[in-house]
């Protein structure tokens, strides 16, 4: 197993921000170096224990999807080598886990698309028979396939805060009706094409979230990561039917494994309240999570 990178420490470039997983550095005024660390966040809290090799896997998967979906919309990749903008001593920190990208004006909305009912969507459906204001048919169960994919956006929160589900009307208030419709339609199209491809590899993409920005010409551009196990719910097709029949969460290739463990974790003898500090993640959970991420990448790209 490779050694883990919890936090990058580049000194040749100005650090702009550390997100839940990525460290972003300025490269001049028009580019960013995004370094994917091995940090793991769940319930919007960063765990103390990294997942070795996770940042490399996330980057390789994002690059795979950016390439496969490039005909649908522009993305933020420059095509330049990340190693070209750091010192020789810093190359090991960026190799395989970084993207050199265009600097965009980020849109403060997470573009979430759901093809199946799971997670917070399932909880919301039980209360209101809708998700983010989108009405759904009666009688759906946990992990039900939806009649059509739905756009269920969220307001981006600061690190450590929880993203908040919002309605499409709220997105319109933030970005205007034309851009809101463009984001919604593009997100659903990307999801449909990716989900159809993943099914040919035996993987169900239950839901995912995209992030967009505007370039200097105002063109809507796909950015950050795309369709990784950090931003998507990946289910192997085998095991899904049994889980669906019994109303349990299907086995997954994503953070759900850690989330399920955290739901049972105790801090000072009490259930964890999903605020920092996080419980210490045991080594076997770290190793199983790393193996799930690796299997997802292997199946998709085989």
Protein backbone atom coordinates (compact mmCIF):
# COMPACT_ATOMS: atom_id res chain seq x y z
CA UNK A 1 0.00 0.00 0.00
CA UNK A 2 1.33 3.44 -0.88
CA UNK A 3 2.10 5.99 1.80
CA UNK A 4 -0.71 8.46 2.39
CA UNK A 5 -0.73 12.21 1.74
CA UNK A 6 -3.07 13.79 4.28
CA UNK A 7 -2.08 17.38 3.48
CA UNK A 8 0.09 18.72 0.66
CA UNK A 9 2.81 21.22 1.53
CA UNK A 10 3.90 23.02 -1.64
CA UNK A 11 5.89 26.20 -1.01
CA UNK A 12 6.59 27.19 -4.63
CA UNK A 13 2.95 28.23 -5.24
CA UNK A 14 0.52 30.32 -3.16
CA UNK A 15 -2.07 28.19 -1.34
CA UNK A 16 -5.57 29.45 -2.10
CA UNK A 17 -7.70 27.01 -0.15
CA UNK A 18 -7.87 23.58 1.41
CA UNK A 19 -11.17 21.83 0.75
CA UNK A 20 -12.42 18.60 2.24
CA UNK A 21 -10.12 16.63 -0.09
CA UNK A 22 -8.33 19.02 -2.48
CA UNK A 23 -5.63 21.60 -1.85
CA UNK A 24 -5.80 24.40 -4.43
CA UNK A 25 -2.77 26.49 -5.39
CA UNK A 26 -2.63 29.56 -7.63
CA UNK A 27 -0.61 29.27 -10.84
CA UNK A 28 -0.46 32.84 -12.09
CA UNK A 29 -3.83 34.57 -12.31
CA UNK A 30 -5.56 32.23 -14.73
CA UNK A 31 -4.80 28.67 -13.55
CA UNK A 32 -5.06 26.47 -10.47
CA UNK A 33 -3.13 23.41 -9.37
CA UNK A 34 -5.61 21.06 -7.68
CA UNK A 35 -3.90 18.42 -5.52
CA UNK A 36 -6.16 15.56 -4.40
CA UNK A 37 -5.05 14.50 -0.94
CA UNK A 38 -5.88 11.17 0.69
CA UNK A 39 -8.17 12.89 3.21
CA UNK A 40 -11.59 11.35 3.71
CA UNK A 41 -14.63 13.41 4.61
CA UNK A 42 -18.00 12.02 5.64
CA UNK A 43 -21.03 13.99 6.80
CA UNK A 44 -18.94 17.06 5.87
CA UNK A 45 -16.37 16.27 8.57
CA UNK A 46 -12.75 15.44 7.68
CA UNK A 47 -11.53 12.19 9.22
CA UNK A 48 -8.16 12.12 10.95
CA UNK A 49 -7.12 8.96 9.11
CA UNK A 50 -6.35 9.25 5.37
CA UNK A 51 -7.06 6.51 2.82
CA UNK A 52 -3.68 5.69 1.19
CA UNK A 53 -3.72 6.22 -2.58
CA UNK A 54 -7.25 7.67 -2.58
CA UNK A 55 -6.20 11.00 -4.13
CA UNK A 56 -4.51 9.20 -7.03
CA UNK A 57 -7.57 7.03 -7.62
CA UNK A 58 -9.92 10.04 -7.53
CA UNK A 59 -7.76 11.94 -9.99
CA UNK A 60 -7.46 9.03 -12.42
CA UNK A 61 -11.21 8.44 -12.32
CA UNK A 62 -12.01 12.14 -12.80
CA UNK A 63 -9.63 12.31 -15.78
CA UNK A 64 -11.27 9.18 -17.24
CA UNK A 65 -14.72 10.78 -17.03
CA UNK A 66 -13.60 14.22 -18.25
CA UNK A 67 -12.21 12.50 -21.34
CA UNK A 68 -15.31 10.33 -21.91
CA UNK A 69 -17.76 13.23 -21.47
CA UNK A 70 -15.76 15.93 -23.25
CA UNK A 71 -18.16 15.98 -26.20
CA UNK A 72 -21.07 17.09 -23.96
CA UNK A 73 -19.58 20.24 -22.44
CA UNK A 74 -16.24 21.98 -21.87
CA UNK A 75 -14.28 21.22 -18.70
CA UNK A 76 -11.59 23.01 -16.75
CA UNK A 77 -8.57 20.90 -17.79
CA UNK A 78 -5.70 22.75 -19.48
CA UNK A 79 -3.98 19.62 -20.78
CA UNK A 80 -0.71 20.75 -19.17
CA UNK A 81 1.37 18.56 -16.85
CA UNK A 82 0.95 19.44 -13.15
CA UNK A 83 4.63 18.58 -12.61
CA UNK A 84 5.59 21.51 -14.88
CA UNK A 85 4.59 24.18 -12.35
CA UNK A 86 6.29 22.90 -9.17
CA UNK A 87 9.89 22.40 -8.08
CA UNK A 88 11.68 19.10 -8.59
CA UNK A 89 11.47 18.39 -4.86
CA UNK A 90 7.69 18.87 -4.94
CA UNK A 91 7.01 16.59 -7.93
CA UNK A 92 6.31 13.49 -5.74
CA UNK A 93 3.50 15.40 -3.99
CA UNK A 94 1.65 16.14 -7.23
CA UNK A 95 2.39 13.20 -9.56
CA UNK A 96 -0.73 11.17 -10.35
CA UNK A 97 -2.94 13.10 -7.94
CA UNK A 98 -3.13 16.59 -9.46
CA UNK A 99 -4.84 18.52 -12.23
CA UNK A 100 -3.64 21.83 -13.72
CA UNK A 101 -6.88 23.61 -14.54
CA UNK A 102 -8.35 26.89 -15.74
CA UNK A 103 -9.37 29.34 -13.07
CA UNK A 104 -13.12 29.82 -13.33
CA UNK A 105 -15.78 31.84 -11.57
CA UNK A 106 -17.42 29.08 -9.50
CA UNK A 107 -21.20 28.78 -9.34
CA UNK A 108 -22.21 28.43 -5.66
CA UNK A 109 -24.58 25.54 -6.31
CA UNK A 110 -23.92 21.81 -6.23
CA UNK A 111 -25.68 20.25 -9.21
CA UNK A 112 -26.99 16.98 -7.76
CA UNK A 113 -28.68 14.42 -10.01
CA UNK A 114 -30.46 11.37 -8.59
CA UNK A 115 -31.43 8.31 -10.59
CA UNK A 116 -32.25 6.27 -7.49
CA UNK A 117 -33.70 7.11 -4.09
CA UNK A 118 -31.00 6.94 -1.41
CA UNK A 119 -29.38 8.82 1.44
CA UNK A 120 -30.88 12.21 2.29
CA UNK A 121 -33.23 11.88 -0.70
CA UNK A 122 -34.79 8.74 0.79
CA UNK A 123 -35.20 10.48 4.17
CA UNK A 124 -36.83 13.50 2.52
CA UNK A 125 -39.13 11.31 0.43
CA UNK A 126 -40.40 9.53 3.55
CA UNK A 127 -41.40 12.91 5.01
CA UNK A 128 -42.85 14.63 1.93
CA UNK A 129 -43.00 12.19 -1.02
CA UNK A 130 -40.69 14.66 -2.79
CA UNK A 131 -36.98 15.54 -2.98
CA UNK A 132 -35.91 19.19 -3.17
CA UNK A 133 -39.42 20.16 -4.20
CA UNK A 134 -39.60 17.51 -6.96
CA UNK A 135 -42.75 15.39 -6.38
CA UNK A 136 -42.27 11.64 -6.75
CA UNK A 137 -44.69 8.70 -7.12
CA UNK A 138 -46.07 7.02 -4.02
CA UNK A 139 -44.82 3.62 -2.92
CA UNK A 140 -41.09 4.02 -3.61
CA UNK A 141 -38.63 2.24 -1.33
CA UNK A 142 -35.04 2.79 -0.26
CA UNK A 143 -32.83 2.34 -3.38
CA UNK A 144 -35.82 2.51 -5.78
CA UNK A 145 -34.95 3.47 -9.36
CA UNK A 146 -36.72 6.74 -10.19
CA UNK A 147 -38.94 6.99 -13.30
CA UNK A 148 -36.53 9.66 -14.63
CA UNK A 149 -33.36 11.20 -13.17
CA UNK A 150 -34.16 14.31 -11.13
CA UNK A 151 -32.17 17.49 -10.48
CA UNK A 152 -31.95 18.10 -6.72
CA UNK A 153 -29.47 20.94 -6.13
CA UNK A 154 -27.72 21.89 -2.92
CA UNK A 155 -26.27 25.15 -1.65
CA UNK A 156 -22.50 24.83 -1.21
CA UNK A 157 -21.41 25.08 2.40
CA UNK A 158 -18.08 26.09 3.91
CA UNK A 159 -15.71 23.31 5.03
CA UNK A 160 -17.15 21.75 8.18
CA UNK A 161 -20.69 22.92 7.39
CA UNK A 162 -23.41 20.75 5.88
CA UNK A 163 -24.55 21.35 2.29
CA UNK A 164 -28.24 22.27 2.25
CA UNK A 165 -30.73 20.83 -0.23
CA UNK A 166 -32.53 23.60 -2.12
CA UNK A 167 -35.26 23.84 -4.76
CA UNK A 168 -34.77 24.66 -8.42
CA UNK A 169 -36.55 27.97 -7.76
CA UNK A 170 -33.82 28.86 -5.26
CA UNK A 171 -31.16 28.13 -7.92
CA UNK A 172 -33.02 30.52 -10.25
CA UNK A 173 -32.75 33.21 -7.57
CA UNK A 174 -28.98 32.65 -7.30
CA UNK A 175 -27.98 32.45 -10.99
CA UNK A 176 -31.02 33.50 -13.03
CA UNK A 177 -33.53 31.38 -14.99
CA UNK A 178 -31.46 30.81 -18.15
CA UNK A 179 -28.29 29.61 -16.41
CA UNK A 180 -30.28 27.57 -13.88
CA UNK A 181 -32.05 25.70 -16.70
CA UNK A 182 -28.75 25.17 -18.52
CA UNK A 183 -27.12 23.71 -15.37
CA UNK A 184 -30.11 21.43 -14.73
CA UNK A 185 -30.38 20.12 -18.29
CA UNK A 186 -26.63 19.64 -18.72
CA UNK A 187 -26.30 17.85 -15.36
CA UNK A 188 -29.07 15.41 -16.22
CA UNK A 189 -27.58 14.73 -19.66
CA UNK A 190 -24.10 14.06 -18.23
CA UNK A 191 -25.57 11.77 -15.57
CA UNK A 192 -27.65 9.80 -18.08
CA UNK A 193 -24.71 9.19 -20.39
CA UNK A 194 -22.35 8.26 -17.54
CA UNK A 195 -24.90 6.00 -15.84
CA UNK A 196 -25.61 4.16 -19.11
CA UNK A 197 -21.89 3.55 -19.64
CA UNK A 198 -21.33 2.44 -16.03
CA UNK A 199 -24.13 -0.12 -16.34
CA UNK A 200 -22.17 -1.81 -19.13
CA UNK A 201 -19.41 -2.28 -16.52
CA UNK A 202 -21.76 -3.69 -13.89
CA UNK A 203 -22.01 -0.47 -11.87
CA UNK A 204 -25.10 1.54 -10.94
CA UNK A 205 -24.48 5.26 -10.41
CA UNK A 206 -27.34 5.98 -8.02
CA UNK A 207 -26.65 9.70 -7.76
CA UNK A 208 -23.86 12.20 -8.26
CA UNK A 209 -23.03 15.87 -7.90
CA UNK A 210 -21.36 18.18 -10.39
CA UNK A 211 -19.75 21.57 -9.95
CA UNK A 212 -19.68 24.22 -12.63
CA UNK A 213 -17.98 27.54 -13.21
CA UNK A 214 -17.97 30.25 -15.84
CA UNK A 215 -14.90 31.00 -17.96
CA UNK A 216 -13.84 34.48 -19.08
CA UNK A 217 -16.41 34.32 -21.90
CA UNK A 218 -19.25 33.28 -19.59
CA UNK A 219 -19.25 29.70 -20.91
CA UNK A 220 -20.61 27.09 -18.49
CA UNK A 221 -17.72 24.73 -17.70
CA UNK A 222 -17.56 21.46 -15.74
CA UNK A 223 -14.99 21.73 -12.92
CA UNK A 224 -13.59 20.25 -9.73
CA UNK A 225 -14.01 16.45 -9.84
CA UNK A 226 -16.55 14.43 -11.78
CA UNK A 227 -18.25 11.09 -11.10
CA UNK A 228 -15.80 9.82 -8.50
CA UNK A 229 -16.79 7.66 -5.51
CA UNK A 230 -16.36 10.82 -3.40
CA UNK A 231 -19.07 12.68 -5.33
CA UNK A 232 -21.28 9.77 -6.40
CA UNK A 233 -23.06 6.74 -5.00
CA UNK A 234 -21.66 3.68 -6.83
CA UNK A 235 -23.43 0.33 -6.42
CA UNK A 236 -22.23 -2.96 -7.95
CA UNK A 237 -25.14 -4.41 -9.91
CA UNK A 238 -24.73 -7.77 -8.20
CA UNK A 239 -26.22 -7.48 -4.72
CA UNK A 240 -28.51 -4.59 -5.65
CA UNK A 241 -31.66 -6.69 -6.14
CA UNK A 242 -31.32 -8.45 -2.79
CA UNK A 243 -30.65 -5.19 -0.95
CA UNK A 244 -33.61 -3.52 -2.66
CA UNK A 245 -35.89 -6.43 -1.78
CA UNK A 246 -34.93 -6.22 1.89
CA UNK A 247 -34.97 -2.41 2.09
CA UNK A 248 -31.29 -2.13 3.02
CA UNK A 249 -28.55 0.04 1.50
CA UNK A 250 -26.98 -1.78 -1.47
CA UNK A 251 -23.27 -2.61 -1.15
CA UNK A 252 -21.26 0.30 -2.48
CA UNK A 253 -17.91 1.38 -3.91
CA UNK A 254 -18.03 4.78 -2.25
CA UNK A 255 -18.03 6.52 1.12
CA UNK A 256 -21.26 4.81 2.17
CA UNK A 257 -19.14 2.05 3.71
CA UNK A 258 -17.51 4.61 6.02
CA UNK A 259 -20.81 6.43 6.61
CA UNK A 260 -22.45 3.17 7.72
CA UNK A 261 -19.56 2.53 10.14
CA UNK A 262 -19.77 6.09 11.49
CA UNK A 263 -23.50 5.73 12.11
CA UNK A 264 -22.60 3.02 14.66
CA UNK A 265 -19.48 4.72 16.05
CA UNK A 266 -19.30 5.92 19.63
CA UNK A 267 -17.48 8.97 21.00
CA UNK A 268 -17.09 9.00 24.79
CA UNK A 269 -19.66 6.23 24.99
CA UNK A 270 -22.30 8.09 22.96
CA UNK A 271 -23.29 7.94 19.28
CA UNK A 272 -21.20 10.40 17.23
CA UNK A 273 -23.14 13.62 16.57
CA UNK A 274 -21.51 14.23 13.16
CA UNK A 275 -19.51 17.23 14.35
CA UNK A 276 -15.68 17.46 14.71
CA UNK A 277 -13.71 15.75 16.01
CA UNK A 278 -14.53 12.59 14.09
CA UNK A 279 -14.13 9.14 15.66
CA UNK A 280 -10.87 7.38 14.89
CA UNK A 281 -11.40 5.21 11.79
CA UNK A 282 -10.02 1.69 12.39
CA UNK A 283 -7.36 0.29 10.09
CA UNK A 284 -9.63 -2.41 8.67
CA UNK A 285 -12.22 0.21 7.64
CA UNK A 286 -9.44 2.29 6.03
CA UNK A 287 -8.19 -0.75 4.07
CA UNK A 288 -11.68 -1.88 2.97
CA UNK A 289 -12.51 1.65 1.81
CA UNK A 290 -9.28 1.84 -0.22
CA UNK A 291 -10.11 -1.53 -1.80
CA UNK A 292 -13.63 -0.37 -2.75
CA UNK A 293 -12.30 2.77 -4.47
CA UNK A 294 -9.74 0.66 -6.34
CA UNK A 295 -12.33 -1.88 -7.48
CA UNK A 296 -14.59 0.90 -8.81
CA UNK A 297 -11.75 2.35 -10.90
CA UNK A 298 -10.68 -1.09 -12.14
CA UNK A 299 -14.20 -2.08 -13.22
CA UNK A 300 -14.91 1.21 -14.96
CA UNK A 301 -11.68 1.39 -16.91
CA UNK A 302 -11.16 -2.32 -17.65
